[in-house]
Amino acid sequence: NQVVGGDAVFISSQGGLNFYIGNNPESDGRTAVVPGTSAT
């Protein structure tokens, strides 16, 4: 990732986003939608 993208991401970069999906005031524990974004 560092060589190709210039960013030393450990494996993949969606971990924080998935963590926030499951840990925010609007989360129902299962719906995979980021609050404030369209559901696509």
Full PDB file with SEQRES, HELIX, SHEET, SSBOND, CRYST1, ORIGX, SCALE, CONECT and MASTER records, all heavy atoms in Angstrom:
SEQRES   1 A   40  ASN GLN VAL VAL GLY GLY ASP ALA VAL PHE ILE SER SER          
SEQRES   2 A   40  GLN GLY GLY LEU ASN PHE TYR ILE GLY ASN ASN PRO GLU          
SEQRES   3 A   40  SER ASP GLY ARG THR ALA VAL VAL PRO GLY THR SER ALA          
SEQRES   4 A   40  THR                                                          
HELIX    1 AA1 GLN A    2  GLY A    5  1                                   4    
HELIX    2 AA2 GLY A   15  ILE A   21  1                                   7    
CRYST1    1.000    1.000    1.000  90.00  90.00  90.00 P 1           1          
ORIGX1      1.000000  0.000000  0.000000        0.00000                         
ORIGX2      0.000000  1.000000  0.000000        0.00000                         
ORIGX3      0.000000  0.000000  1.000000        0.00000                         
SCALE1      1.000000  0.000000  0.000000        0.00000                         
SCALE2      0.000000  1.000000  0.000000        0.00000                         
SCALE3      0.000000  0.000000  1.000000        0.00000                         
ATOM      1  N   ASN A   1       0.821  -1.211   0.000  1.00  0.00           N  
ATOM      2  CA  ASN A   1       0.000   0.000   0.000  1.00  0.00           C  
ATOM      3  C   ASN A   1       0.855   1.260   0.000  1.00  0.00           C  
ATOM      4  O   ASN A   1       0.516   2.255  -0.643  1.00  0.00           O  
ATOM      5  CB  ASN A   1      -0.934  -0.002   1.202  1.00  0.00           C  
ATOM      6  CG  ASN A   1      -2.027  -1.062   1.091  1.00  0.00           C  
ATOM      7  OD1 ASN A   1      -2.347  -1.525   0.002  1.00  0.00           O  
ATOM      8  ND2 ASN A   1      -2.589  -1.464   2.231  1.00  0.00           N  
ATOM      9  N   GLN A   2       1.950   1.224   0.737  1.00  0.00           N  
ATOM     10  CA  GLN A   2       2.859   2.367   0.769  1.00  0.00           C  
ATOM     11  C   GLN A   2       3.534   2.584  -0.581  1.00  0.00           C  
ATOM     12  O   GLN A   2       3.625   3.713  -1.083  1.00  0.00           O  
ATOM     13  CB  GLN A   2       3.921   2.165   1.863  1.00  0.00           C  
ATOM     14  CG  GLN A   2       4.987   3.245   1.917  1.00  0.00           C  
ATOM     15  CD  GLN A   2       4.416   4.614   2.248  1.00  0.00           C  
ATOM     16  OE1 GLN A   2       3.569   4.737   3.131  1.00  0.00           O  
ATOM     17  NE2 GLN A   2       4.858   5.644   1.548  1.00  0.00           N  
ATOM     18  N   VAL A   3       3.978   1.495  -1.198  1.00  0.00           N  
ATOM     19  CA  VAL A   3       4.684   1.608  -2.479  1.00  0.00           C  
ATOM     20  C   VAL A   3       3.733   2.055  -3.586  1.00  0.00           C  
ATOM     21  O   VAL A   3       4.055   2.948  -4.384  1.00  0.00           O  
ATOM     22  CB  VAL A   3       5.340   0.252  -2.842  1.00  0.00           C  
ATOM     23  CG1 VAL A   3       5.899   0.291  -4.273  1.00  0.00           C  
ATOM     24  CG2 VAL A   3       6.440  -0.077  -1.844  1.00  0.00           C  
ATOM     25  N   VAL A   4       2.540   1.464  -3.631  1.00  0.00           N  
ATOM     26  CA  VAL A   4       1.613   1.743  -4.732  1.00  0.00           C  
ATOM     27  C   VAL A   4       0.814   3.016  -4.487  1.00  0.00           C  
ATOM     28  O   VAL A   4       0.622   3.824  -5.395  1.00  0.00           O  
ATOM     29  CB  VAL A   4       0.641   0.545  -4.924  1.00  0.00           C  
ATOM     30  CG1 VAL A   4      -0.421   0.865  -5.967  1.00  0.00           C  
ATOM     31  CG2 VAL A   4       1.428  -0.690  -5.350  1.00  0.00           C  
ATOM     32  N   GLY A   5       0.322   3.201  -3.273  1.00  0.00           N  
ATOM     33  CA  GLY A   5      -0.568   4.324  -2.993  1.00  0.00           C  
ATOM     34  C   GLY A   5       0.037   5.438  -2.168  1.00  0.00           C  
ATOM     35  O   GLY A   5      -0.624   6.446  -1.918  1.00  0.00           O  
ATOM     36  N   GLY A   6       1.269   5.259  -1.693  1.00  0.00           N  
ATOM     37  CA  GLY A   6       1.892   6.285  -0.881  1.00  0.00           C  
ATOM     38  C   GLY A   6       1.269   6.438   0.492  1.00  0.00           C  
ATOM     39  O   GLY A   6       1.391   7.488   1.134  1.00  0.00           O  
ATOM     40  N   ASP A   7       0.590   5.409   0.974  1.00  0.00           N  
ATOM     41  CA  ASP A   7      -0.094   5.466   2.263  1.00  0.00           C  
ATOM     42  C   ASP A   7       0.059   4.108   2.934  1.00  0.00           C  
ATOM     43  O   ASP A   7      -0.438   3.104   2.434  1.00  0.00           O  
ATOM     44  CB  ASP A   7      -1.567   5.811   2.049  1.00  0.00           C  
ATOM     45  CG  ASP A   7      -2.288   6.129   3.350  1.00  0.00           C  
ATOM     46  OD1 ASP A   7      -1.607   6.288   4.385  1.00  0.00           O  
ATOM     47  OD2 ASP A   7      -3.528   6.239   3.327  1.00  0.00           O  
ATOM     48  N   ALA A   8       0.723   4.072   4.073  1.00  0.00           N  
ATOM     49  CA  ALA A   8       1.011   2.806   4.746  1.00  0.00           C  
ATOM     50  C   ALA A   8      -0.216   2.315   5.506  1.00  0.00           C  
ATOM     51  O   ALA A   8      -0.242   2.235   6.738  1.00  0.00           O  
ATOM     52  CB  ALA A   8       2.201   2.959   5.691  1.00  0.00           C  
ATOM     53  N   VAL A   9      -1.249   1.959   4.764  1.00  0.00           N  
ATOM     54  CA  VAL A   9      -2.475   1.425   5.354  1.00  0.00           C  
ATOM     55  C   VAL A   9      -2.252  -0.040   5.714  1.00  0.00           C  
ATOM     56  O   VAL A   9      -1.783  -0.821   4.885  1.00  0.00           O  
ATOM     57  CB  VAL A   9      -3.652   1.541   4.360  1.00  0.00           C  
ATOM     58  CG1 VAL A   9      -4.885   0.839   4.905  1.00  0.00           C  
ATOM     59  CG2 VAL A   9      -3.945   3.002   4.061  1.00  0.00           C  
ATOM     60  N   PHE A  10      -2.602  -0.413   6.944  1.00  0.00           N  
ATOM     61  CA  PHE A  10      -2.472  -1.810   7.348  1.00  0.00           C  
ATOM     62  C   PHE A  10      -3.630  -2.607   6.758  1.00  0.00           C  
ATOM     63  O   PHE A  10      -4.765  -2.492   7.200  1.00  0.00           O  
ATOM     64  CB  PHE A  10      -2.455  -1.933   8.869  1.00  0.00           C  
ATOM     65  CG  PHE A  10      -2.289  -3.351   9.351  1.00  0.00           C  
ATOM     66  CD1 PHE A  10      -1.109  -4.036   9.132  1.00  0.00           C  
ATOM     67  CD2 PHE A  10      -3.314  -4.002  10.008  1.00  0.00           C  
ATOM     68  CE1 PHE A  10      -0.943  -5.339   9.563  1.00  0.00           C  
ATOM     69  CE2 PHE A  10      -3.171  -5.306  10.459  1.00  0.00           C  
ATOM     70  CZ  PHE A  10      -1.978  -5.970  10.232  1.00  0.00           C  
ATOM     71  N   ILE A  11      -3.361  -3.365   5.753  1.00  0.00           N  
ATOM     72  CA  ILE A  11      -4.276  -4.227   5.000  1.00  0.00           C  
ATOM     73  C   ILE A  11      -5.299  -3.410   4.204  1.00  0.00           C  
ATOM     74  O   ILE A  11      -5.285  -3.397   2.982  1.00  0.00           O  
ATOM     75  CB  ILE A  11      -4.992  -5.261   5.883  1.00  0.00           C  
ATOM     76  CG1 ILE A  11      -3.955  -6.156   6.608  1.00  0.00           C  
ATOM     77  CG2 ILE A  11      -5.921  -6.122   5.035  1.00  0.00           C  
ATOM     78  CD1 ILE A  11      -4.568  -7.239   7.486  1.00  0.00           C  
ATOM     79  N   SER A  12      -6.243  -2.747   4.878  1.00  0.00           N  
ATOM     80  CA  SER A  12      -7.273  -2.000   4.161  1.00  0.00           C  
ATOM     81  C   SER A  12      -7.710  -0.811   5.006  1.00  0.00           C  
ATOM     82  O   SER A  12      -7.493  -0.776   6.221  1.00  0.00           O  
ATOM     83  CB  SER A  12      -8.474  -2.903   3.846  1.00  0.00           C  
ATOM     84  OG  SER A  12      -9.058  -3.377   5.033  1.00  0.00           O  
ATOM     85  N   SER A  13      -8.349   0.153   4.335  1.00  0.00           N  
ATOM     86  CA  SER A  13      -8.620   1.427   5.004  1.00  0.00           C  
ATOM     87  C   SER A  13     -10.070   1.610   5.419  1.00  0.00           C  
ATOM     88  O   SER A  13     -10.439   2.705   5.847  1.00  0.00           O  
ATOM     89  CB  SER A  13      -8.226   2.583   4.069  1.00  0.00           C  
ATOM     90  OG  SER A  13      -8.999   2.553   2.885  1.00  0.00           O  
ATOM     91  N   GLN A  14     -10.921   0.589   5.290  1.00  0.00           N  
ATOM     92  CA  GLN A  14     -12.320   0.796   5.639  1.00  0.00           C  
ATOM     93  C   GLN A  14     -12.629   0.481   7.100  1.00  0.00           C  
ATOM     94  O   GLN A  14     -13.784   0.537   7.511  1.00  0.00           O  
ATOM     95  CB  GLN A  14     -13.231  -0.030   4.729  1.00  0.00           C  
ATOM     96  CG  GLN A  14     -13.294  -1.514   5.047  1.00  0.00           C  
ATOM     97  CD  GLN A  14     -12.305  -2.320   4.242  1.00  0.00           C  
ATOM     98  OE1 GLN A  14     -11.250  -1.825   3.865  1.00  0.00           O  
ATOM     99  NE2 GLN A  14     -12.642  -3.573   3.967  1.00  0.00           N  
ATOM    100  N   GLY A  15     -11.614   0.129   7.884  1.00  0.00           N  
ATOM    101  CA  GLY A  15     -11.867  -0.247   9.276  1.00  0.00           C  
ATOM    102  C   GLY A  15     -12.523   0.855  10.076  1.00  0.00           C  
ATOM    103  O   GLY A  15     -13.496   0.614  10.808  1.00  0.00           O  
ATOM    104  N   GLY A  16     -12.000   2.087   9.957  1.00  0.00           N  
ATOM    105  CA  GLY A  16     -12.573   3.192  10.721  1.00  0.00           C  
ATOM    106  C   GLY A  16     -14.005   3.487  10.331  1.00  0.00           C  
ATOM    107  O   GLY A  16     -14.857   3.756  11.187  1.00  0.00           O  
ATOM    108  N   LEU A  17     -14.288   3.415   9.036  1.00  0.00           N  
ATOM    109  CA  LEU A  17     -15.642   3.668   8.558  1.00  0.00           C  
ATOM    110  C   LEU A  17     -16.614   2.613   9.086  1.00  0.00           C  
ATOM    111  O   LEU A  17     -17.710   2.936   9.561  1.00  0.00           O  
ATOM    112  CB  LEU A  17     -15.643   3.673   7.029  1.00  0.00           C  
ATOM    113  CG  LEU A  17     -16.862   4.281   6.346  1.00  0.00           C  
ATOM    114  CD1 LEU A  17     -17.019   5.741   6.718  1.00  0.00           C  
ATOM    115  CD2 LEU A  17     -16.745   4.130   4.837  1.00  0.00           C  
ATOM    116  N   ASN A  18     -16.224   1.355   9.017  1.00  0.00           N  
ATOM    117  CA  ASN A  18     -17.079   0.284   9.542  1.00  0.00           C  
ATOM    118  C   ASN A  18     -17.260   0.404  11.055  1.00  0.00           C  
ATOM    119  O   ASN A  18     -18.328   0.087  11.592  1.00  0.00           O  
ATOM    120  CB  ASN A  18     -16.491  -1.081   9.180  1.00  0.00           C  
ATOM    121  CG  ASN A  18     -16.700  -1.427   7.722  1.00  0.00           C  
ATOM    122  OD1 ASN A  18     -17.635  -0.945   7.091  1.00  0.00           O  
ATOM    123  ND2 ASN A  18     -15.828  -2.255   7.178  1.00  0.00           N  
ATOM    124  N   PHE A  19     -16.211   0.835  11.733  1.00  0.00           N  
ATOM    125  CA  PHE A  19     -16.310   1.017  13.182  1.00  0.00           C  
ATOM    126  C   PHE A  19     -17.320   2.109  13.512  1.00  0.00           C  
ATOM    127  O   PHE A  19     -18.158   1.955  14.417  1.00  0.00           O  
ATOM    128  CB  PHE A  19     -14.934   1.367  13.757  1.00  0.00           C  
ATOM    129  CG  PHE A  19     -14.915   1.557  15.245  1.00  0.00           C  
ATOM    130  CD1 PHE A  19     -15.008   0.471  16.102  1.00  0.00           C  
ATOM    131  CD2 PHE A  19     -14.806   2.824  15.792  1.00  0.00           C  
ATOM    132  CE1 PHE A  19     -14.996   0.647  17.481  1.00  0.00           C  
ATOM    133  CE2 PHE A  19     -14.794   3.015  17.169  1.00  0.00           C  
ATOM    134  CZ  PHE A  19     -14.883   1.916  18.010  1.00  0.00           C  
ATOM    135  N   TYR A  20     -17.289   3.214  12.757  1.00  0.00           N  
ATOM    136  CA  TYR A  20     -18.215   4.312  13.017  1.00  0.00           C  
ATOM    137  C   TYR A  20     -19.650   3.918  12.674  1.00  0.00           C  
ATOM    138  O   TYR A  20     -20.593   4.317  13.370  1.00  0.00           O  
ATOM    139  CB  TYR A  20     -17.793   5.540  12.205  1.00  0.00           C  
ATOM    140  CG  TYR A  20     -18.716   6.723  12.379  1.00  0.00           C  
ATOM    141  CD1 TYR A  20     -18.934   7.288  13.640  1.00  0.00           C  
ATOM    142  CD2 TYR A  20     -19.394   7.272  11.289  1.00  0.00           C  
ATOM    143  CE1 TYR A  20     -19.789   8.365  13.801  1.00  0.00           C  
ATOM    144  CE2 TYR A  20     -20.245   8.351  11.443  1.00  0.00           C  
ATOM    145  CZ  TYR A  20     -20.439   8.892  12.703  1.00  0.00           C  
ATOM    146  OH  TYR A  20     -21.296   9.963  12.861  1.00  0.00           O  
ATOM    147  N   ILE A  21     -19.841   3.113  11.606  1.00  0.00           N  
ATOM    148  CA  ILE A  21     -21.185   2.639  11.263  1.00  0.00           C  
ATOM    149  C   ILE A  21     -21.815   1.913  12.445  1.00  0.00           C  
ATOM    150  O   ILE A  21     -23.013   2.047  12.711  1.00  0.00           O  
ATOM    151  CB  ILE A  21     -21.130   1.718  10.030  1.00  0.00           C  
ATOM    152  CG1 ILE A  21     -20.836   2.539   8.769  1.00  0.00           C  
ATOM    153  CG2 ILE A  21     -22.427   0.950   9.854  1.00  0.00           C  
ATOM    154  CD1 ILE A  21     -20.612   1.687   7.527  1.00  0.00           C  
ATOM    155  N   GLY A  22     -21.009   1.149  13.164  1.00  0.00           N  
ATOM    156  CA  GLY A  22     -21.522   0.385  14.302  1.00  0.00           C  
ATOM    157  C   GLY A  22     -21.394   1.077  15.626  1.00  0.00           C  
ATOM    158  O   GLY A  22     -21.745   0.497  16.671  1.00  0.00           O  
ATOM    159  N   ASN A  23     -20.926   2.335  15.645  1.00  0.00           N  
ATOM    160  CA  ASN A  23     -20.732   3.056  16.902  1.00  0.00           C  
ATOM    161  C   ASN A  23     -21.057   4.530  16.706  1.00  0.00           C  
ATOM    162  O   ASN A  23     -20.166   5.390  16.676  1.00  0.00           O  
ATOM    163  CB  ASN A  23     -19.294   2.897  17.410  1.00  0.00           C  
ATOM    164  CG  ASN A  23     -18.937   1.470  17.763  1.00  0.00           C  
ATOM    165  OD1 ASN A  23     -19.186   1.009  18.872  1.00  0.00           O  
ATOM    166  ND2 ASN A  23     -18.352   0.765  16.811  1.00  0.00           N  
ATOM    167  N   ASN A  24     -22.335   4.819  16.552  1.00  0.00           N  
ATOM    168  CA  ASN A  24     -22.793   6.195  16.435  1.00  0.00           C  
ATOM    169  C   ASN A  24     -24.226   6.275  16.962  1.00  0.00           C  
ATOM    170  O   ASN A  24     -24.901   5.247  17.092  1.00  0.00           O  
ATOM    171  CB  ASN A  24     -22.697   6.680  14.987  1.00  0.00           C  
ATOM    172  CG  ASN A  24     -23.699   6.001  14.073  1.00  0.00           C  
ATOM    173  OD1 ASN A  24     -24.877   6.346  14.061  1.00  0.00           O  
ATOM    174  ND2 ASN A  24     -23.238   5.008  13.303  1.00  0.00           N  
ATOM    175  N   PRO A  25     -24.698   7.478  17.282  1.00  0.00           N  
ATOM    176  CA  PRO A  25     -26.035   7.587  17.903  1.00  0.00           C  
ATOM    177  C   PRO A  25     -27.167   7.061  17.037  1.00  0.00           C  
ATOM    178  O   PRO A  25     -28.219   6.699  17.558  1.00  0.00           O  
ATOM    179  CB  PRO A  25     -26.184   9.097  18.144  1.00  0.00           C  
ATOM    180  CG  PRO A  25     -24.797   9.637  18.136  1.00  0.00           C  
ATOM    181  CD  PRO A  25     -24.012   8.769  17.205  1.00  0.00           C  
ATOM    182  N   GLU A  26     -26.997   7.005  15.707  1.00  0.00           N  
ATOM    183  CA  GLU A  26     -28.050   6.559  14.803  1.00  0.00           C  
ATOM    184  C   GLU A  26     -27.961   5.071  14.467  1.00  0.00           C  
ATOM    185  O   GLU A  26     -28.823   4.544  13.772  1.00  0.00           O  
ATOM    186  CB  GLU A  26     -28.008   7.375  13.502  1.00  0.00           C  
ATOM    187  CG  GLU A  26     -28.213   8.864  13.698  1.00  0.00           C  
ATOM    188  CD  GLU A  26     -28.111   9.630  12.394  1.00  0.00           C  
ATOM    189  OE1 GLU A  26     -28.507   9.076  11.345  1.00  0.00           O  
ATOM    190  OE2 GLU A  26     -27.623  10.776  12.420  1.00  0.00           O  
ATOM    191  N   SER A  27     -26.939   4.388  14.941  1.00  0.00           N  
ATOM    192  CA  SER A  27     -26.741   2.981  14.578  1.00  0.00           C  
ATOM    193  C   SER A  27     -27.809   2.098  15.199  1.00  0.00           C  
ATOM    194  O   SER A  27     -28.196   2.283  16.360  1.00  0.00           O  
ATOM    195  CB  SER A  27     -25.358   2.509  15.037  1.00  0.00           C  
ATOM    196  OG  SER A  27     -25.198   1.130  14.805  1.00  0.00           O  
ATOM    197  N   ASP A  28     -28.278   1.128  14.415  1.00  0.00           N  
ATOM    198  CA  ASP A  28     -29.187   0.118  14.955  1.00  0.00           C  
ATOM    199  C   ASP A  28     -28.480  -1.220  15.147  1.00  0.00           C  
ATOM    200  O   ASP A  28     -29.117  -2.231  15.417  1.00  0.00           O  
ATOM    201  CB  ASP A  28     -30.405  -0.058  14.035  1.00  0.00           C  
ATOM    202  CG  ASP A  28     -30.025  -0.548  12.643  1.00  0.00           C  
ATOM    203  OD1 ASP A  28     -28.823  -0.758  12.375  1.00  0.00           O  
ATOM    204  OD2 ASP A  28     -30.932  -0.721  11.808  1.00  0.00           O  
ATOM    205  N   GLY A  29     -27.164  -1.228  14.983  1.00  0.00           N  
ATOM    206  CA  GLY A  29     -26.383  -2.437  15.205  1.00  0.00           C  
ATOM    207  C   GLY A  29     -26.225  -3.317  13.993  1.00  0.00           C  
ATOM    208  O   GLY A  29     -25.453  -4.279  14.029  1.00  0.00           O  
ATOM    209  N   ARG A  30     -26.937  -3.016  12.887  1.00  0.00           N  
ATOM    210  CA  ARG A  30     -26.877  -3.905  11.742  1.00  0.00           C  
ATOM    211  C   ARG A  30     -26.879  -3.187  10.382  1.00  0.00           C  
ATOM    212  O   ARG A  30     -26.360  -3.728   9.413  1.00  0.00           O  
ATOM    213  CB  ARG A  30     -28.044  -4.894  11.758  1.00  0.00           C  
ATOM    214  CG  ARG A  30     -29.414  -4.276  11.681  1.00  0.00           C  
ATOM    215  CD  ARG A  30     -30.490  -5.350  11.506  1.00  0.00           C  
ATOM    216  NE  ARG A  30     -30.365  -6.015  10.232  1.00  0.00           N  
ATOM    217  CZ  ARG A  30     -31.034  -5.671   9.150  1.00  0.00           C  
ATOM    218  NH1 ARG A  30     -31.881  -4.655   9.190  1.00  0.00           N  
ATOM    219  NH2 ARG A  30     -30.878  -6.332   8.034  1.00  0.00           N  
ATOM    220  N   THR A  31     -27.471  -1.997  10.269  1.00  0.00           N  
ATOM    221  CA  THR A  31     -27.581  -1.327   8.974  1.00  0.00           C  
ATOM    222  C   THR A  31     -26.248  -0.717   8.575  1.00  0.00           C  
ATOM    223  O   THR A  31     -25.687   0.101   9.310  1.00  0.00           O  
ATOM    224  CB  THR A  31     -28.663  -0.236   9.016  1.00  0.00           C  
ATOM    225  OG1 THR A  31     -29.901  -0.837   9.415  1.00  0.00           O  
ATOM    226  CG2 THR A  31     -28.826   0.407   7.649  1.00  0.00           C  
ATOM    227  N   ALA A  32     -25.756  -1.097   7.398  1.00  0.00           N  
ATOM    228  CA  ALA A  32     -24.424  -0.675   6.955  1.00  0.00           C  
ATOM    229  C   ALA A  32     -24.499   0.614   6.149  1.00  0.00           C  
ATOM    230  O   ALA A  32     -24.141   0.658   4.969  1.00  0.00           O  
ATOM    231  CB  ALA A  32     -23.777  -1.782   6.121  1.00  0.00           C  
ATOM    232  N   VAL A  33     -24.976   1.685   6.774  1.00  0.00           N  
ATOM    233  CA  VAL A  33     -25.064   2.989   6.123  1.00  0.00           C  
ATOM    234  C   VAL A  33     -24.400   4.020   7.021  1.00  0.00           C  
ATOM    235  O   VAL A  33     -24.680   4.086   8.226  1.00  0.00           O  
ATOM    236  CB  VAL A  33     -26.531   3.379   5.847  1.00  0.00           C  
ATOM    237  CG1 VAL A  33     -26.613   4.788   5.269  1.00  0.00           C  
ATOM    238  CG2 VAL A  33     -27.178   2.385   4.896  1.00  0.00           C  
ATOM    239  N   VAL A  34     -23.534   4.846   6.433  1.00  0.00           N  
ATOM    240  CA  VAL A  34     -22.873   5.904   7.188  1.00  0.00           C  
ATOM    241  C   VAL A  34     -23.874   7.027   7.416  1.00  0.00           C  
ATOM    242  O   VAL A  34     -24.496   7.502   6.451  1.00  0.00           O  
ATOM    243  CB  VAL A  34     -21.650   6.444   6.417  1.00  0.00           C  
ATOM    244  CG1 VAL A  34     -20.926   7.502   7.242  1.00  0.00           C  
ATOM    245  CG2 VAL A  34     -20.710   5.307   6.058  1.00  0.00           C  
ATOM    246  N   PRO A  35     -24.093   7.488   8.647  1.00  0.00           N  
ATOM    247  CA  PRO A  35     -25.032   8.585   8.882  1.00  0.00           C  
ATOM    248  C   PRO A  35     -24.683   9.806   8.048  1.00  0.00           C  
ATOM    249  O   PRO A  35     -23.517  10.214   7.954  1.00  0.00           O  
ATOM    250  CB  PRO A  35     -24.851   8.870  10.381  1.00  0.00           C  
ATOM    251  CG  PRO A  35     -24.344   7.597  10.961  1.00  0.00           C  
ATOM    252  CD  PRO A  35     -23.486   6.983   9.893  1.00  0.00           C  
ATOM    253  N   GLY A  36     -25.700  10.359   7.394  1.00  0.00           N  
ATOM    254  CA  GLY A  36     -25.495  11.545   6.574  1.00  0.00           C  
ATOM    255  C   GLY A  36     -25.188  11.269   5.124  1.00  0.00           C  
ATOM    256  O   GLY A  36     -25.022  12.217   4.342  1.00  0.00           O  
ATOM    257  N   THR A  37     -25.112   9.997   4.722  1.00  0.00           N  
ATOM    258  CA  THR A  37     -24.845   9.660   3.327  1.00  0.00           C  
ATOM    259  C   THR A  37     -26.061   8.957   2.734  1.00  0.00           C  
ATOM    260  O   THR A  37     -26.912   8.458   3.452  1.00  0.00           O  
ATOM    261  CB  THR A  37     -23.618   8.745   3.181  1.00  0.00           C  
ATOM    262  OG1 THR A  37     -23.907   7.456   3.745  1.00  0.00           O  
ATOM    263  CG2 THR A  37     -22.413   9.327   3.898  1.00  0.00           C  
ATOM    264  N   SER A  38     -26.118   8.902   1.391  1.00  0.00           N  
ATOM    265  CA  SER A  38     -27.199   8.174   0.736  1.00  0.00           C  
ATOM    266  C   SER A  38     -26.953   6.684   0.882  1.00  0.00           C  
ATOM    267  O   SER A  38     -25.819   6.225   0.994  1.00  0.00           O  
ATOM    268  CB  SER A  38     -27.281   8.551  -0.750  1.00  0.00           C  
ATOM    269  OG  SER A  38     -26.070   8.262  -1.417  1.00  0.00           O  
ATOM    270  N   ALA A  39     -28.043   5.915   0.860  1.00  0.00           N  
ATOM    271  CA  ALA A  39     -27.957   4.477   1.118  1.00  0.00           C  
ATOM    272  C   ALA A  39     -27.600   3.695  -0.138  1.00  0.00           C  
ATOM    273  O   ALA A  39     -28.306   2.793  -0.567  1.00  0.00           O  
ATOM    274  CB  ALA A  39     -29.284   3.975   1.686  1.00  0.00           C  
ATOM    275  N   THR A  40     -26.484   4.068  -0.754  1.00  0.00           N  
ATOM    276  CA  THR A  40     -25.962   3.333  -1.902  1.00  0.00           C  
ATOM    277  C   THR A  40     -24.495   3.054  -1.643  1.00  0.00           C  
ATOM    278  O   THR A  40     -23.845   3.716  -0.827  1.00  0.00           O  
ATOM    279  CB  THR A  40     -26.101   4.120  -3.217  1.00  0.00           C  
ATOM    280  OG1 THR A  40     -25.308   5.323  -3.132  1.00  0.00           O  
ATOM    281  CG2 THR A  40     -27.555   4.504  -3.474  1.00  0.00           C  
TER     282      THR A  40                                                      
MASTER        0    0    0    2    0    0    0    6  281    1    0    4          
END                                                                             
